[in-house]
Amino acid sequence: MKARIEIRLKPGILDPQGKAIGGALAGLGYSGLGEVRQGKLIEIDLPTATDTESAARDLDAMCKTLLANPVTEDFSVTLSE
């Protein structure tokens, strides 16, 4: 089983990296861009996981305790075989 975790800043949280990316893209001539926000993608292989429900619970706990900051970030977990 494989897990894909997407982590992004919550709406309203300032994103200086996204702002820098937007400025760099504008400097390269890309116009008409709105707000740019950046996030993180974490992929985890779970070779011994057999139960999707318990894997999802474990991944949720991992995100809340280490991978994401629940005060400033939202996360979503996608599991696949």
PDB file of N, CA and C in Angstrom:
ATOM      1  N   MET A   1       0.851  -1.167   0.000  1.00  0.00           N
ATOM      2  CA  MET A   1       0.000   0.000   0.000  1.00  0.00           C
ATOM      3  C   MET A   1       0.900   1.233   0.000  1.00  0.00           C
ATOM      4  N   LYS A   2       0.447   2.252  -0.677  1.00  0.00           N
ATOM      5  CA  LYS A   2       1.201   3.507  -0.735  1.00  0.00           C
ATOM      6  C   LYS A   2       0.306   4.652  -0.266  1.00  0.00           C
ATOM      7  N   ALA A   3       0.927   5.604   0.419  1.00  0.00           N
ATOM      8  CA  ALA A   3       0.212   6.780   0.897  1.00  0.00           C
ATOM      9  C   ALA A   3       0.803   8.018   0.239  1.00  0.00           C
ATOM     10  N   ARG A   4      -0.083   8.915  -0.112  1.00  0.00           N
ATOM     11  CA  ARG A   4       0.308  10.204  -0.681  1.00  0.00           C
ATOM     12  C   ARG A   4      -0.309  11.272   0.216  1.00  0.00           C
ATOM     13  N   ILE A   5       0.533  12.090   0.824  1.00  0.00           N
ATOM     14  CA  ILE A   5       0.075  13.107   1.767  1.00  0.00           C
ATOM     15  C   ILE A   5       0.374  14.483   1.186  1.00  0.00           C
ATOM     16  N   GLU A   6      -0.671  15.273   1.012  1.00  0.00           N
ATOM     17  CA  GLU A   6      -0.520  16.644   0.519  1.00  0.00           C
ATOM     18  C   GLU A   6      -0.742  17.589   1.691  1.00  0.00           C
ATOM     19  N   ILE A   7       0.213  18.493   1.899  1.00  0.00           N
ATOM     20  CA  ILE A   7       0.159  19.443   3.008  1.00  0.00           C
ATOM     21  C   ILE A   7       0.209  20.852   2.429  1.00  0.00           C
ATOM     22  N   ARG A   8      -0.756  21.676   2.847  1.00  0.00           N
ATOM     23  CA  ARG A   8      -0.794  23.064   2.371  1.00  0.00           C
ATOM     24  C   ARG A   8      -1.126  23.992   3.522  1.00  0.00           C
ATOM     25  N   LEU A   9      -0.692  25.225   3.377  1.00  0.00           N
ATOM     26  CA  LEU A   9      -1.012  26.218   4.397  1.00  0.00           C
ATOM     27  C   LEU A   9      -2.515  26.490   4.388  1.00  0.00           C
ATOM     28  N   LYS A  10      -3.060  26.719   5.569  1.00  0.00           N
ATOM     29  CA  LYS A  10      -4.479  27.035   5.677  1.00  0.00           C
ATOM     30  C   LYS A  10      -4.742  28.390   5.013  1.00  0.00           C
ATOM     31  N   PRO A  11      -5.971  28.586   4.513  1.00  0.00           N
ATOM     32  CA  PRO A  11      -6.315  29.895   3.946  1.00  0.00           C
ATOM     33  C   PRO A  11      -6.085  30.992   4.985  1.00  0.00           C
ATOM     34  N   GLY A  12      -5.560  32.101   4.539  1.00  0.00           N
ATOM     35  CA  GLY A  12      -5.308  33.228   5.431  1.00  0.00           C
ATOM     36  C   GLY A  12      -3.926  33.233   6.050  1.00  0.00           C
ATOM     37  N   ILE A  13      -3.193  32.124   5.959  1.00  0.00           N
ATOM     38  CA  ILE A  13      -1.822  32.069   6.473  1.00  0.00           C
ATOM     39  C   ILE A  13      -0.896  32.605   5.389  1.00  0.00           C
ATOM     40  N   LEU A  14      -0.041  33.549   5.752  1.00  0.00           N
ATOM     41  CA  LEU A  14       0.889  34.120   4.776  1.00  0.00           C
ATOM     42  C   LEU A  14       1.813  33.038   4.227  1.00  0.00           C
ATOM     43  N   ASP A  15       2.093  33.120   2.927  1.00  0.00           N
ATOM     44  CA  ASP A  15       2.934  32.130   2.246  1.00  0.00           C
ATOM     45  C   ASP A  15       4.073  32.851   1.530  1.00  0.00           C
ATOM     46  N   PRO A  16       5.167  33.169   2.248  1.00  0.00           N
ATOM     47  CA  PRO A  16       6.262  33.899   1.620  1.00  0.00           C
ATOM     48  C   PRO A  16       6.924  33.119   0.476  1.00  0.00           C
ATOM     49  N   GLN A  17       6.984  31.796   0.579  1.00  0.00           N
ATOM     50  CA  GLN A  17       7.570  31.018  -0.517  1.00  0.00           C
ATOM     51  C   GLN A  17       6.690  31.098  -1.761  1.00  0.00           C
ATOM     52  N   GLY A  18       5.382  31.002  -1.566  1.00  0.00           N
ATOM     53  CA  GLY A  18       4.467  31.135  -2.696  1.00  0.00           C
ATOM     54  C   GLY A  18       4.595  32.509  -3.344  1.00  0.00           C
ATOM     55  N   LYS A  19       4.726  33.547  -2.520  1.00  0.00           N
ATOM     56  CA  LYS A  19       4.895  34.912  -3.032  1.00  0.00           C
ATOM     57  C   LYS A  19       6.192  35.025  -3.844  1.00  0.00           C
ATOM     58  N   ALA A  20       7.272  34.410  -3.334  1.00  0.00           N
ATOM     59  CA  ALA A  20       8.551  34.443  -4.058  1.00  0.00           C
ATOM     60  C   ALA A  20       8.444  33.693  -5.386  1.00  0.00           C
ATOM     61  N   ILE A  21       7.755  32.554  -5.389  1.00  0.00           N
ATOM     62  CA  ILE A  21       7.561  31.791  -6.631  1.00  0.00           C
ATOM     63  C   ILE A  21       6.760  32.618  -7.622  1.00  0.00           C
ATOM     64  N   GLY A  22       5.688  33.258  -7.152  1.00  0.00           N
ATOM     65  CA  GLY A  22       4.882  34.109  -8.026  1.00  0.00           C
ATOM     66  C   GLY A  22       5.695  35.247  -8.611  1.00  0.00           C
ATOM     67  N   GLY A  23       6.546  35.871  -7.783  1.00  0.00           N
ATOM     68  CA  GLY A  23       7.401  36.963  -8.269  1.00  0.00           C
ATOM     69  C   GLY A  23       8.409  36.480  -9.297  1.00  0.00           C
ATOM     70  N   ALA A  24       8.985  35.299  -9.064  1.00  0.00           N
ATOM     71  CA  ALA A  24       9.951  34.744 -10.010  1.00  0.00           C
ATOM     72  C   ALA A  24       9.280  34.405 -11.337  1.00  0.00           C
ATOM     73  N   LEU A  25       8.080  33.847 -11.282  1.00  0.00           N
ATOM     74  CA  LEU A  25       7.365  33.535 -12.527  1.00  0.00           C
ATOM     75  C   LEU A  25       7.025  34.806 -13.299  1.00  0.00           C
ATOM     76  N   ALA A  26       6.606  35.855 -12.575  1.00  0.00           N
ATOM     77  CA  ALA A  26       6.326  37.136 -13.233  1.00  0.00           C
ATOM     78  C   ALA A  26       7.598  37.696 -13.856  1.00  0.00           C
ATOM     79  N   GLY A  27       8.730  37.556 -13.151  1.00  0.00           N
ATOM     80  CA  GLY A  27      10.007  38.023 -13.676  1.00  0.00           C
ATOM     81  C   GLY A  27      10.441  37.273 -14.930  1.00  0.00           C
ATOM     82  N   LEU A  28       9.969  36.047 -15.071  1.00  0.00           N
ATOM     83  CA  LEU A  28      10.274  35.252 -16.268  1.00  0.00           C
ATOM     84  C   LEU A  28       9.302  35.532 -17.417  1.00  0.00           C
ATOM     85  N   GLY A  29       8.367  36.450 -17.175  1.00  0.00           N
ATOM     86  CA  GLY A  29       7.455  36.838 -18.239  1.00  0.00           C
ATOM     87  C   GLY A  29       6.090  36.168 -18.212  1.00  0.00           C
ATOM     88  N   TYR A  30       5.826  35.354 -17.212  1.00  0.00           N
ATOM     89  CA  TYR A  30       4.503  34.722 -17.112  1.00  0.00           C
ATOM     90  C   TYR A  30       3.554  35.715 -16.460  1.00  0.00           C
ATOM     91  N   SER A  31       2.558  36.137 -17.197  1.00  0.00           N
ATOM     92  CA  SER A  31       1.645  37.154 -16.687  1.00  0.00           C
ATOM     93  C   SER A  31       0.272  36.543 -16.431  1.00  0.00           C
ATOM     94  N   GLY A  32      -0.567  37.313 -15.782  1.00  0.00           N
ATOM     95  CA  GLY A  32      -1.928  36.879 -15.532  1.00  0.00           C
ATOM     96  C   GLY A  32      -2.053  35.857 -14.410  1.00  0.00           C
ATOM     97  N   LEU A  33      -1.041  35.791 -13.563  1.00  0.00           N
ATOM     98  CA  LEU A  33      -1.093  34.843 -12.447  1.00  0.00           C
ATOM     99  C   LEU A  33      -1.787  35.475 -11.253  1.00  0.00           C
ATOM    100  N   GLY A  34      -2.605  34.719 -10.588  1.00  0.00           N
ATOM    101  CA  GLY A  34      -3.184  35.151  -9.327  1.00  0.00           C
ATOM    102  C   GLY A  34      -2.255  34.759  -8.199  1.00  0.00           C
ATOM    103  N   GLU A  35      -2.835  34.517  -7.042  1.00  0.00           N
ATOM    104  CA  GLU A  35      -2.046  34.124  -5.884  1.00  0.00           C
ATOM    105  C   GLU A  35      -1.376  32.768  -6.130  1.00  0.00           C
ATOM    106  N   VAL A  36      -0.128  32.659  -5.732  1.00  0.00           N
ATOM    107  CA  VAL A  36       0.607  31.397  -5.825  1.00  0.00           C
ATOM    108  C   VAL A  36       0.859  30.905  -4.407  1.00  0.00           C
ATOM    109  N   ARG A  37       0.511  29.654  -4.145  1.00  0.00           N
ATOM    110  CA  ARG A  37       0.745  29.034  -2.831  1.00  0.00           C
ATOM    111  C   ARG A  37       1.515  27.750  -3.051  1.00  0.00           C
ATOM    112  N   GLN A  38       2.424  27.466  -2.171  1.00  0.00           N
ATOM    113  CA  GLN A  38       3.215  26.247  -2.293  1.00  0.00           C
ATOM    114  C   GLN A  38       2.877  25.327  -1.140  1.00  0.00           C
ATOM    115  N   GLY A  39       3.132  24.052  -1.343  1.00  0.00           N
ATOM    116  CA  GLY A  39       2.858  23.062  -0.308  1.00  0.00           C
ATOM    117  C   GLY A  39       3.907  21.972  -0.328  1.00  0.00           C
ATOM    118  N   LYS A  40       3.596  20.875   0.357  1.00  0.00           N
ATOM    119  CA  LYS A  40       4.515  19.741   0.424  1.00  0.00           C
ATOM    120  C   LYS A  40       3.783  18.481  -0.005  1.00  0.00           C
ATOM    121  N   LEU A  41       4.518  17.575  -0.601  1.00  0.00           N
ATOM    122  CA  LEU A  41       4.005  16.255  -0.946  1.00  0.00           C
ATOM    123  C   LEU A  41       4.920  15.227  -0.296  1.00  0.00           C
ATOM    124  N   ILE A  42       4.327  14.314   0.463  1.00  0.00           N
ATOM    125  CA  ILE A  42       5.083  13.243   1.104  1.00  0.00           C
ATOM    126  C   ILE A  42       4.490  11.924   0.639  1.00  0.00           C
ATOM    127  N   GLU A  43       5.329  11.030   0.145  1.00  0.00           N
ATOM    128  CA  GLU A  43       4.883   9.704  -0.272  1.00  0.00           C
ATOM    129  C   GLU A  43       5.505   8.681   0.668  1.00  0.00           C
ATOM    130  N   ILE A  44       4.673   7.800   1.189  1.00  0.00           N
ATOM    131  CA  ILE A  44       5.128   6.784   2.133  1.00  0.00           C
ATOM    132  C   ILE A  44       4.698   5.419   1.625  1.00  0.00           C
ATOM    133  N   ASP A  45       5.636   4.486   1.569  1.00  0.00           N
ATOM    134  CA  ASP A  45       5.336   3.107   1.199  1.00  0.00           C
ATOM    135  C   ASP A  45       5.018   2.343   2.485  1.00  0.00           C
ATOM    136  N   LEU A  46       3.918   1.597   2.470  1.00  0.00           N
ATOM    137  CA  LEU A  46       3.496   0.808   3.628  1.00  0.00           C
ATOM    138  C   LEU A  46       3.426  -0.658   3.212  1.00  0.00           C
ATOM    139  N   PRO A  47       4.569  -1.333   3.090  1.00  0.00           N
ATOM    140  CA  PRO A  47       4.589  -2.675   2.520  1.00  0.00           C
ATOM    141  C   PRO A  47       3.870  -3.734   3.365  1.00  0.00           C
ATOM    142  N   THR A  48       3.745  -3.525   4.675  1.00  0.00           N
ATOM    143  CA  THR A  48       3.101  -4.541   5.510  1.00  0.00           C
ATOM    144  C   THR A  48       1.647  -4.211   5.832  1.00  0.00           C
ATOM    145  N   ALA A  49       1.153  -3.061   5.386  1.00  0.00           N
ATOM    146  CA  ALA A  49      -0.225  -2.668   5.683  1.00  0.00           C
ATOM    147  C   ALA A  49      -1.200  -3.511   4.866  1.00  0.00           C
ATOM    148  N   THR A  50      -2.203  -4.033   5.529  1.00  0.00           N
ATOM    149  CA  THR A  50      -3.228  -4.819   4.836  1.00  0.00           C
ATOM    150  C   THR A  50      -4.615  -4.231   5.023  1.00  0.00           C
ATOM    151  N   ASP A  51      -4.794  -3.422   6.064  1.00  0.00           N
ATOM    152  CA  ASP A  51      -6.091  -2.849   6.396  1.00  0.00           C
ATOM    153  C   ASP A  51      -6.079  -1.353   6.108  1.00  0.00           C
ATOM    154  N   THR A  52      -6.863  -0.931   5.145  1.00  0.00           N
ATOM    155  CA  THR A  52      -6.892   0.476   4.744  1.00  0.00           C
ATOM    156  C   THR A  52      -7.331   1.379   5.892  1.00  0.00           C
ATOM    157  N   GLU A  53      -8.299   0.932   6.667  1.00  0.00           N
ATOM    158  CA  GLU A  53      -8.821   1.758   7.751  1.00  0.00           C
ATOM    159  C   GLU A  53      -7.765   2.029   8.823  1.00  0.00           C
ATOM    160  N   SER A  54      -7.032   1.004   9.242  1.00  0.00           N
ATOM    161  CA  SER A  54      -6.002   1.222  10.265  1.00  0.00           C
ATOM    162  C   SER A  54      -4.820   2.008   9.697  1.00  0.00           C
ATOM    163  N   ALA A  55      -4.495   1.789   8.424  1.00  0.00           N
ATOM    164  CA  ALA A  55      -3.426   2.574   7.789  1.00  0.00           C
ATOM    165  C   ALA A  55      -3.809   4.046   7.754  1.00  0.00           C
ATOM    166  N   ALA A  56      -5.063   4.335   7.409  1.00  0.00           N
ATOM    167  CA  ALA A  56      -5.529   5.721   7.364  1.00  0.00           C
ATOM    168  C   ALA A  56      -5.470   6.357   8.753  1.00  0.00           C
ATOM    169  N   ARG A  57      -5.847   5.605   9.781  1.00  0.00           N
ATOM    170  CA  ARG A  57      -5.769   6.119  11.162  1.00  0.00           C
ATOM    171  C   ARG A  57      -4.331   6.431  11.546  1.00  0.00           C
ATOM    172  N   ASP A  58      -3.415   5.508  11.221  1.00  0.00           N
ATOM    173  CA  ASP A  58      -1.995   5.725  11.535  1.00  0.00           C
ATOM    174  C   ASP A  58      -1.449   6.948  10.802  1.00  0.00           C
ATOM    175  N   LEU A  59      -1.791   7.075   9.531  1.00  0.00           N
ATOM    176  CA  LEU A  59      -1.297   8.211   8.745  1.00  0.00           C
ATOM    177  C   LEU A  59      -1.855   9.526   9.275  1.00  0.00           C
ATOM    178  N   ASP A  60      -3.106   9.530   9.683  1.00  0.00           N
ATOM    179  CA  ASP A  60      -3.698  10.730  10.266  1.00  0.00           C
ATOM    180  C   ASP A  60      -2.926  11.127  11.531  1.00  0.00           C
ATOM    181  N   ALA A  61      -2.602  10.139  12.357  1.00  0.00           N
ATOM    182  CA  ALA A  61      -1.828  10.420  13.571  1.00  0.00           C
ATOM    183  C   ALA A  61      -0.426  10.930  13.229  1.00  0.00           C
ATOM    184  N   MET A  62       0.210  10.338  12.215  1.00  0.00           N
ATOM    185  CA  MET A  62       1.542  10.797  11.789  1.00  0.00           C
ATOM    186  C   MET A  62       1.497  12.258  11.374  1.00  0.00           C
ATOM    187  N   CYS A  63       0.469  12.620  10.616  1.00  0.00           N
ATOM    188  CA  CYS A  63       0.343  13.998  10.147  1.00  0.00           C
ATOM    189  C   CYS A  63       0.132  14.959  11.304  1.00  0.00           C
ATOM    190  N   LYS A  64      -0.724  14.577  12.229  1.00  0.00           N
ATOM    191  CA  LYS A  64      -1.043  15.468  13.346  1.00  0.00           C
ATOM    192  C   LYS A  64       0.106  15.621  14.334  1.00  0.00           C
ATOM    193  N   THR A  65       0.983  14.607  14.430  1.00  0.00           N
ATOM    194  CA  THR A  65       2.064  14.683  15.413  1.00  0.00           C
ATOM    195  C   THR A  65       3.409  15.116  14.846  1.00  0.00           C
ATOM    196  N   LEU A  66       3.634  14.904  13.535  1.00  0.00           N
ATOM    197  CA  LEU A  66       4.956  15.217  12.995  1.00  0.00           C
ATOM    198  C   LEU A  66       4.941  15.879  11.626  1.00  0.00           C
ATOM    199  N   LEU A  67       4.170  15.351  10.694  1.00  0.00           N
ATOM    200  CA  LEU A  67       4.313  15.765   9.300  1.00  0.00           C
ATOM    201  C   LEU A  67       3.700  17.123   8.986  1.00  0.00           C
ATOM    202  N   ALA A  68       2.628  17.490   9.673  1.00  0.00           N
ATOM    203  CA  ALA A  68       1.965  18.769   9.409  1.00  0.00           C
ATOM    204  C   ALA A  68       1.800  19.528  10.719  1.00  0.00           C
ATOM    205  N   ASN A  69       1.756  20.841  10.622  1.00  0.00           N
ATOM    206  CA  ASN A  69       1.478  21.684  11.781  1.00  0.00           C
ATOM    207  C   ASN A  69      -0.022  21.968  11.764  1.00  0.00           C
ATOM    208  N   PRO A  70      -0.803  21.357  12.645  1.00  0.00           N
ATOM    209  CA  PRO A  70      -2.252  21.509  12.583  1.00  0.00           C
ATOM    210  C   PRO A  70      -2.745  22.931  12.838  1.00  0.00           C
ATOM    211  N   VAL A  71      -1.901  23.789  13.373  1.00  0.00           N
ATOM    212  CA  VAL A  71      -2.290  25.179  13.608  1.00  0.00           C
ATOM    213  C   VAL A  71      -2.285  25.959  12.297  1.00  0.00           C
ATOM    214  N   THR A  72      -1.308  25.694  11.431  1.00  0.00           N
ATOM    215  CA  THR A  72      -1.155  26.498  10.210  1.00  0.00           C
ATOM    216  C   THR A  72      -1.373  25.723   8.920  1.00  0.00           C
ATOM    217  N   GLU A  73      -1.450  24.384   8.985  1.00  0.00           N
ATOM    218  CA  GLU A  73      -1.507  23.591   7.764  1.00  0.00           C
ATOM    219  C   GLU A  73      -2.695  22.631   7.752  1.00  0.00           C
ATOM    220  N   ASP A  74      -3.224  22.405   6.557  1.00  0.00           N
ATOM    221  CA  ASP A  74      -4.211  21.361   6.304  1.00  0.00           C
ATOM    222  C   ASP A  74      -3.496  20.229   5.583  1.00  0.00           C
ATOM    223  N   PHE A  75      -4.023  19.020   5.695  1.00  0.00           N
ATOM    224  CA  PHE A  75      -3.431  17.903   4.968  1.00  0.00           C
ATOM    225  C   PHE A  75      -4.524  16.982   4.462  1.00  0.00           C
ATOM    226  N   SER A  76      -4.187  16.251   3.400  1.00  0.00           N
ATOM    227  CA  SER A  76      -5.089  15.204   2.888  1.00  0.00           C
ATOM    228  C   SER A  76      -4.246  13.980   2.594  1.00  0.00           C
ATOM    229  N   VAL A  77      -4.832  12.817   2.849  1.00  0.00           N
ATOM    230  CA  VAL A  77      -4.146  11.538   2.664  1.00  0.00           C
ATOM    231  C   VAL A  77      -4.890  10.726   1.606  1.00  0.00           C
ATOM    232  N   THR A  78      -4.149  10.193   0.645  1.00  0.00           N
ATOM    233  CA  THR A  78      -4.704   9.307  -0.358  1.00  0.00           C
ATOM    234  C   THR A  78      -3.956   7.986  -0.292  1.00  0.00           C
ATOM    235  N   LEU A  79      -4.697   6.894  -0.185  1.00  0.00           N
ATOM    236  CA  LEU A  79      -4.098   5.559  -0.143  1.00  0.00           C
ATOM    237  C   LEU A  79      -4.363   4.835  -1.447  1.00  0.00           C
ATOM    238  N   SER A  80      -3.382   4.071  -1.905  1.00  0.00           N
ATOM    239  CA  SER A  80      -3.554   3.243  -3.107  1.00  0.00           C
ATOM    240  C   SER A  80      -2.810   1.930  -2.903  1.00  0.00           C
ATOM    241  N   GLU A  81      -3.219   0.943  -3.651  1.00  0.00           N
ATOM    242  CA  GLU A  81      -2.588  -0.386  -3.550  1.00  0.00           C
ATOM    243  C   GLU A  81      -1.262  -0.418  -4.268  1.00  0.00           C
TER     244      GLU A  81
END
